[in-house]
């Protein structure tokens, strides 16, 4: 039983610090394919982009709602920070994807990632 005591103490001590960290989305960031990728890989990529956009939009909306409606200032600020971080992550992905598509030539208009979110 003694070997577990340091582990239990470490868990108890670290728990309050972790509660202050903003939430992170569970949205899987799409991997941008190489220019020589097959049509099937590009099709899967564009499908994944649409799923990512929907997931990150939902996460941002949820965090913004918590930020606006929470009576707990610490929780509201953490939600605001989480939404802001997700927006920055999304915008960085859009920049990277658009740069890659510019290198590859003409983008496919209906599947090109669009910058739909702005920082708060």
N, C-alpha and C. Protein backbone atom coordinates (compact mmCIF):
# COMPACT_ATOMS: atom_id res chain seq x y z
N UNK A 1 0.82 -1.19 0.00
CA UNK A 1 0.00 0.00 0.00
C UNK A 1 0.86 1.26 0.00
N UNK A 2 2.05 1.21 0.60
CA UNK A 2 2.91 2.39 0.68
C UNK A 2 3.32 2.94 -0.68
N UNK A 3 3.58 2.11 -1.70
CA UNK A 3 3.97 2.67 -2.99
C UNK A 3 2.88 3.55 -3.61
N UNK A 4 1.64 3.33 -3.26
CA UNK A 4 0.55 4.10 -3.86
C UNK A 4 0.32 5.43 -3.18
N UNK A 5 0.83 5.63 -1.97
CA UNK A 5 0.60 6.87 -1.23
C UNK A 5 1.18 8.08 -1.98
N UNK A 6 2.42 8.05 -2.49
CA UNK A 6 2.90 9.21 -3.25
C UNK A 6 2.06 9.49 -4.49
N UNK A 7 1.63 8.44 -5.14
CA UNK A 7 0.79 8.61 -6.33
C UNK A 7 -0.52 9.29 -5.97
N UNK A 8 -1.15 8.85 -4.89
CA UNK A 8 -2.43 9.43 -4.46
C UNK A 8 -2.23 10.88 -4.06
N UNK A 9 -1.17 11.17 -3.33
CA UNK A 9 -0.89 12.55 -2.93
C UNK A 9 -0.64 13.45 -4.15
N UNK A 10 0.11 12.95 -5.09
CA UNK A 10 0.39 13.72 -6.30
C UNK A 10 -0.90 14.00 -7.07
N UNK A 11 -1.79 13.05 -7.11
CA UNK A 11 -3.07 13.22 -7.80
C UNK A 11 -3.92 14.26 -7.09
N UNK A 12 -3.98 14.20 -5.80
CA UNK A 12 -4.78 15.16 -5.04
C UNK A 12 -4.23 16.56 -5.13
N UNK A 13 -2.92 16.70 -5.12
CA UNK A 13 -2.29 18.01 -5.19
C UNK A 13 -2.44 18.63 -6.58
N UNK A 14 -2.36 17.83 -7.62
CA UNK A 14 -2.41 18.37 -8.98
C UNK A 14 -3.82 18.63 -9.47
N UNK A 15 -4.82 18.07 -8.86
CA UNK A 15 -6.20 18.22 -9.34
C UNK A 15 -6.70 19.65 -9.37
N UNK A 16 -6.49 20.47 -8.33
CA UNK A 16 -6.98 21.85 -8.39
C UNK A 16 -6.32 22.66 -9.50
N UNK A 17 -5.06 22.42 -9.78
CA UNK A 17 -4.38 23.16 -10.83
C UNK A 17 -4.96 22.82 -12.20
N UNK A 18 -5.33 21.58 -12.39
CA UNK A 18 -5.89 21.17 -13.68
C UNK A 18 -7.29 21.74 -13.88
N UNK A 19 -8.00 22.05 -12.82
CA UNK A 19 -9.35 22.57 -12.95
C UNK A 19 -9.35 23.97 -13.54
N UNK A 20 -8.25 24.71 -13.40
CA UNK A 20 -8.17 26.07 -13.92
C UNK A 20 -7.83 26.12 -15.40
N UNK A 21 -7.38 25.02 -15.97
CA UNK A 21 -7.02 24.99 -17.38
C UNK A 21 -8.29 25.04 -18.23
N UNK A 22 -8.24 25.78 -19.35
CA UNK A 22 -9.41 25.80 -20.23
C UNK A 22 -9.65 24.45 -20.89
N UNK A 23 -10.89 24.20 -21.22
CA UNK A 23 -11.24 22.95 -21.91
C UNK A 23 -10.57 22.93 -23.28
N UNK A 24 -10.35 21.74 -23.80
CA UNK A 24 -9.79 21.60 -25.15
C UNK A 24 -10.77 20.78 -25.97
N UNK A 25 -10.85 21.12 -27.23
CA UNK A 25 -11.77 20.38 -28.10
C UNK A 25 -11.23 18.98 -28.35
N UNK A 26 -12.11 18.08 -28.65
CA UNK A 26 -11.73 16.72 -29.03
C UNK A 26 -11.81 16.55 -30.54
N UNK A 27 -11.79 17.66 -31.26
CA UNK A 27 -11.91 17.63 -32.72
C UNK A 27 -10.58 17.21 -33.34
N UNK A 28 -10.64 16.22 -34.21
CA UNK A 28 -9.45 15.72 -34.87
C UNK A 28 -9.06 16.67 -36.01
N UNK A 29 -7.87 17.23 -35.92
CA UNK A 29 -7.36 18.14 -36.94
C UNK A 29 -7.01 17.34 -38.19
N UNK A 30 -7.57 17.70 -39.34
CA UNK A 30 -7.26 16.95 -40.56
C UNK A 30 -5.79 17.10 -40.95
N UNK A 31 -5.24 16.04 -41.49
CA UNK A 31 -3.88 16.07 -42.01
C UNK A 31 -3.95 16.54 -43.46
N UNK A 32 -3.23 17.61 -43.75
CA UNK A 32 -3.24 18.17 -45.10
C UNK A 32 -2.43 17.24 -46.00
N UNK A 33 -3.04 16.75 -47.09
CA UNK A 33 -2.33 15.79 -47.95
C UNK A 33 -1.22 16.46 -48.76
N UNK A 34 -0.29 15.64 -49.20
CA UNK A 34 0.79 16.13 -50.06
C UNK A 34 0.23 16.45 -51.44
N UNK A 35 0.93 17.27 -52.21
CA UNK A 35 0.43 17.64 -53.54
C UNK A 35 0.18 16.44 -54.47
N UNK A 36 0.93 15.36 -54.31
CA UNK A 36 0.79 14.20 -55.18
C UNK A 36 -0.28 13.22 -54.69
N UNK A 37 -1.08 13.61 -53.70
CA UNK A 37 -2.07 12.68 -53.14
C UNK A 37 -3.11 12.28 -54.18
N UNK A 38 -3.62 11.08 -54.04
CA UNK A 38 -4.62 10.56 -54.98
C UNK A 38 -5.96 11.26 -54.76
N UNK A 39 -6.85 11.08 -55.73
CA UNK A 39 -8.19 11.65 -55.61
C UNK A 39 -8.92 11.10 -54.39
N UNK A 40 -8.71 9.83 -54.10
CA UNK A 40 -9.35 9.23 -52.94
C UNK A 40 -8.86 9.88 -51.64
N UNK A 41 -7.58 10.13 -51.54
CA UNK A 41 -7.01 10.78 -50.35
C UNK A 41 -7.56 12.20 -50.23
N UNK A 42 -7.62 12.92 -51.34
CA UNK A 42 -8.16 14.28 -51.31
C UNK A 42 -9.64 14.30 -50.96
N UNK A 43 -10.38 13.32 -51.45
CA UNK A 43 -11.80 13.22 -51.13
C UNK A 43 -11.99 12.99 -49.63
N UNK A 44 -11.19 12.07 -49.06
CA UNK A 44 -11.25 11.79 -47.63
C UNK A 44 -10.85 13.04 -46.85
N UNK A 45 -9.84 13.75 -47.30
CA UNK A 45 -9.39 14.97 -46.64
C UNK A 45 -10.51 16.01 -46.58
N UNK A 46 -11.17 16.24 -47.71
CA UNK A 46 -12.24 17.25 -47.74
C UNK A 46 -13.43 16.84 -46.86
N UNK A 47 -13.69 15.54 -46.78
CA UNK A 47 -14.73 15.05 -45.87
C UNK A 47 -14.32 15.32 -44.43
N UNK A 48 -13.07 15.04 -44.13
CA UNK A 48 -12.55 15.26 -42.78
C UNK A 48 -12.57 16.75 -42.42
N UNK A 49 -12.28 17.62 -43.39
CA UNK A 49 -12.32 19.07 -43.16
C UNK A 49 -13.74 19.49 -42.76
N UNK A 50 -14.72 18.99 -43.46
CA UNK A 50 -16.12 19.34 -43.14
C UNK A 50 -16.49 18.86 -41.73
N UNK A 51 -16.05 17.66 -41.37
CA UNK A 51 -16.31 17.13 -40.03
C UNK A 51 -15.60 17.97 -38.97
N UNK A 52 -14.36 18.34 -39.25
CA UNK A 52 -13.60 19.18 -38.32
C UNK A 52 -14.27 20.54 -38.14
N UNK A 53 -14.68 21.16 -39.24
CA UNK A 53 -15.33 22.47 -39.16
C UNK A 53 -16.60 22.39 -38.32
N UNK A 54 -17.39 21.35 -38.50
CA UNK A 54 -18.61 21.19 -37.72
C UNK A 54 -18.30 20.97 -36.24
N UNK A 55 -17.31 20.14 -35.97
CA UNK A 55 -16.92 19.82 -34.59
C UNK A 55 -16.39 21.06 -33.88
N UNK A 56 -15.49 21.80 -34.52
CA UNK A 56 -14.88 22.95 -33.87
C UNK A 56 -15.90 24.06 -33.69
N UNK A 57 -16.82 24.21 -34.65
CA UNK A 57 -17.88 25.22 -34.51
C UNK A 57 -18.77 24.90 -33.31
N UNK A 58 -19.11 23.62 -33.15
CA UNK A 58 -19.94 23.20 -32.02
C UNK A 58 -19.21 23.47 -30.70
N UNK A 59 -17.93 23.11 -30.64
CA UNK A 59 -17.15 23.33 -29.42
C UNK A 59 -17.08 24.82 -29.09
N UNK A 60 -16.80 25.64 -30.08
CA UNK A 60 -16.70 27.09 -29.86
C UNK A 60 -18.03 27.65 -29.38
N UNK A 61 -19.13 27.24 -30.01
CA UNK A 61 -20.46 27.70 -29.59
C UNK A 61 -20.76 27.31 -28.15
N UNK A 62 -20.40 26.07 -27.78
CA UNK A 62 -20.64 25.60 -26.41
C UNK A 62 -19.83 26.43 -25.41
N UNK A 63 -18.56 26.67 -25.73
CA UNK A 63 -17.70 27.43 -24.81
C UNK A 63 -18.15 28.89 -24.71
N UNK A 64 -18.59 29.46 -25.82
CA UNK A 64 -19.08 30.84 -25.79
C UNK A 64 -20.36 30.94 -24.96
N UNK A 65 -21.21 29.94 -25.05
CA UNK A 65 -22.44 29.92 -24.25
C UNK A 65 -22.11 29.84 -22.76
N UNK A 66 -21.15 28.98 -22.41
CA UNK A 66 -20.72 28.88 -21.01
C UNK A 66 -20.14 30.22 -20.56
N UNK A 67 -19.33 30.82 -21.40
CA UNK A 67 -18.70 32.10 -21.07
C UNK A 67 -19.73 33.18 -20.80
N UNK A 68 -20.79 33.21 -21.59
CA UNK A 68 -21.81 34.25 -21.45
C UNK A 68 -22.78 33.97 -20.31
N UNK A 69 -23.05 32.70 -20.04
CA UNK A 69 -24.13 32.35 -19.10
C UNK A 69 -23.67 31.91 -17.72
N UNK A 70 -22.40 31.65 -17.54
CA UNK A 70 -21.94 31.13 -16.26
C UNK A 70 -21.84 32.24 -15.22
N UNK A 71 -22.43 32.02 -14.04
CA UNK A 71 -22.29 33.02 -12.97
C UNK A 71 -20.90 32.98 -12.32
N UNK A 72 -20.18 31.89 -12.53
CA UNK A 72 -18.84 31.72 -11.98
C UNK A 72 -17.84 32.39 -12.93
N UNK A 73 -17.21 33.46 -12.47
CA UNK A 73 -16.31 34.25 -13.30
C UNK A 73 -15.11 33.42 -13.78
N UNK A 74 -14.57 32.58 -12.90
CA UNK A 74 -13.42 31.76 -13.27
C UNK A 74 -13.80 30.78 -14.39
N UNK A 75 -14.96 30.16 -14.24
CA UNK A 75 -15.44 29.21 -15.25
C UNK A 75 -15.74 29.94 -16.56
N UNK A 76 -16.33 31.12 -16.47
CA UNK A 76 -16.64 31.90 -17.67
C UNK A 76 -15.37 32.31 -18.40
N UNK A 77 -14.37 32.75 -17.65
CA UNK A 77 -13.10 33.14 -18.27
C UNK A 77 -12.40 31.94 -18.90
N UNK A 78 -12.45 30.79 -18.23
CA UNK A 78 -11.83 29.58 -18.79
C UNK A 78 -12.52 29.18 -20.09
N UNK A 79 -13.84 29.27 -20.11
CA UNK A 79 -14.59 28.93 -21.33
C UNK A 79 -14.26 29.92 -22.45
N UNK A 80 -14.14 31.19 -22.10
CA UNK A 80 -13.77 32.21 -23.09
C UNK A 80 -12.38 31.89 -23.67
N UNK A 81 -11.44 31.55 -22.80
CA UNK A 81 -10.09 31.20 -23.24
C UNK A 81 -10.09 29.96 -24.13
N UNK A 82 -10.93 28.98 -23.78
CA UNK A 82 -11.02 27.74 -24.58
C UNK A 82 -11.57 28.05 -25.97
N UNK A 83 -12.60 28.88 -26.03
CA UNK A 83 -13.17 29.25 -27.32
C UNK A 83 -12.15 30.02 -28.15
N UNK A 84 -11.45 30.93 -27.52
CA UNK A 84 -10.44 31.73 -28.22
C UNK A 84 -9.32 30.85 -28.76
N UNK A 85 -8.87 29.88 -27.95
CA UNK A 85 -7.81 28.96 -28.40
C UNK A 85 -8.29 28.11 -29.57
N UNK A 86 -9.53 27.66 -29.52
CA UNK A 86 -10.08 26.85 -30.61
C UNK A 86 -10.19 27.67 -31.90
N UNK A 87 -10.57 28.92 -31.76
CA UNK A 87 -10.65 29.80 -32.93
C UNK A 87 -9.27 29.99 -33.55
N UNK A 88 -8.27 30.20 -32.70
CA UNK A 88 -6.89 30.36 -33.20
C UNK A 88 -6.41 29.09 -33.89
N UNK A 89 -6.71 27.93 -33.28
CA UNK A 89 -6.32 26.65 -33.89
C UNK A 89 -6.99 26.49 -35.26
N UNK A 90 -8.28 26.81 -35.33
CA UNK A 90 -9.02 26.69 -36.58
C UNK A 90 -8.46 27.63 -37.64
N UNK A 91 -8.20 28.88 -37.25
CA UNK A 91 -7.67 29.84 -38.21
C UNK A 91 -6.28 29.44 -38.71
N UNK A 92 -5.47 28.86 -37.83
CA UNK A 92 -4.14 28.39 -38.25
C UNK A 92 -4.28 27.24 -39.25
N UNK A 93 -5.21 26.34 -38.98
CA UNK A 93 -5.45 25.25 -39.92
C UNK A 93 -5.88 25.80 -41.27
N UNK A 94 -6.77 26.78 -41.28
CA UNK A 94 -7.25 27.38 -42.53
C UNK A 94 -6.08 28.00 -43.31
N UNK A 95 -5.22 28.73 -42.61
CA UNK A 95 -4.06 29.33 -43.26
C UNK A 95 -3.17 28.26 -43.89
N UNK A 96 -2.89 27.20 -43.12
CA UNK A 96 -2.04 26.13 -43.62
C UNK A 96 -2.67 25.42 -44.82
N UNK A 97 -3.97 25.15 -44.73
CA UNK A 97 -4.67 24.45 -45.81
C UNK A 97 -4.71 25.32 -47.07
N UNK A 98 -5.00 26.60 -46.91
CA UNK A 98 -5.06 27.49 -48.06
C UNK A 98 -3.68 27.67 -48.70
N UNK A 99 -2.64 27.71 -47.88
CA UNK A 99 -1.28 27.81 -48.43
C UNK A 99 -0.93 26.56 -49.23
N UNK A 100 -1.30 25.40 -48.71
CA UNK A 100 -1.02 24.15 -49.43
C UNK A 100 -1.80 24.10 -50.74
N UNK A 101 -3.07 24.51 -50.71
CA UNK A 101 -3.86 24.49 -51.93
C UNK A 101 -3.34 25.50 -52.95
N UNK A 102 -2.80 26.63 -52.49
CA UNK A 102 -2.21 27.61 -53.40
C UNK A 102 -0.99 27.01 -54.09
N UNK A 103 -0.23 26.19 -53.36
CA UNK A 103 0.93 25.52 -53.96
C UNK A 103 0.50 24.48 -54.99
N UNK A 104 -0.65 23.86 -54.74
CA UNK A 104 -1.12 22.77 -55.60
C UNK A 104 -1.85 23.26 -56.84
N UNK A 105 -2.23 24.52 -56.89
CA UNK A 105 -2.99 25.03 -58.03
C UNK A 105 -4.37 25.45 -57.59
N UNK A 106 -5.33 25.35 -58.49
CA UNK A 106 -6.70 25.79 -58.24
C UNK A 106 -7.38 24.93 -57.18
N UNK A 107 -7.92 25.55 -56.11
CA UNK A 107 -8.64 24.77 -55.10
C UNK A 107 -10.04 24.39 -55.57
N UNK A 108 -10.56 23.35 -54.98
CA UNK A 108 -11.93 22.90 -55.25
C UNK A 108 -12.86 23.75 -54.40
N UNK A 109 -13.65 24.65 -55.01
CA UNK A 109 -14.42 25.66 -54.29
C UNK A 109 -15.36 25.11 -53.22
N UNK A 110 -16.05 24.00 -53.48
CA UNK A 110 -17.03 23.52 -52.50
C UNK A 110 -16.39 22.80 -51.32
N UNK A 111 -15.14 22.44 -51.40
CA UNK A 111 -14.50 21.71 -50.31
C UNK A 111 -13.33 22.48 -49.69
N UNK A 112 -13.09 23.70 -50.17
CA UNK A 112 -12.01 24.49 -49.62
C UNK A 112 -12.38 24.95 -48.23
N UNK A 113 -11.48 24.77 -47.26
CA UNK A 113 -11.78 25.26 -45.91
C UNK A 113 -11.99 26.77 -45.94
N UNK A 114 -13.01 27.22 -45.29
CA UNK A 114 -13.33 28.64 -45.22
C UNK A 114 -13.06 29.15 -43.82
N UNK A 115 -12.56 30.37 -43.74
CA UNK A 115 -12.31 31.01 -42.45
C UNK A 115 -13.64 31.56 -41.95
N UNK A 116 -14.34 30.76 -41.14
CA UNK A 116 -15.69 31.11 -40.72
C UNK A 116 -15.74 31.70 -39.32
N UNK A 117 -14.66 31.64 -38.59
CA UNK A 117 -14.66 32.11 -37.21
C UNK A 117 -13.66 33.24 -37.04
N UNK A 118 -14.01 34.19 -36.23
CA UNK A 118 -13.11 35.29 -35.90
C UNK A 118 -12.85 35.28 -34.40
N UNK A 119 -11.69 35.75 -34.03
CA UNK A 119 -11.36 35.79 -32.61
C UNK A 119 -12.31 36.74 -31.89
N UNK A 120 -12.59 36.40 -30.64
CA UNK A 120 -13.53 37.21 -29.85
C UNK A 120 -12.84 38.45 -29.34
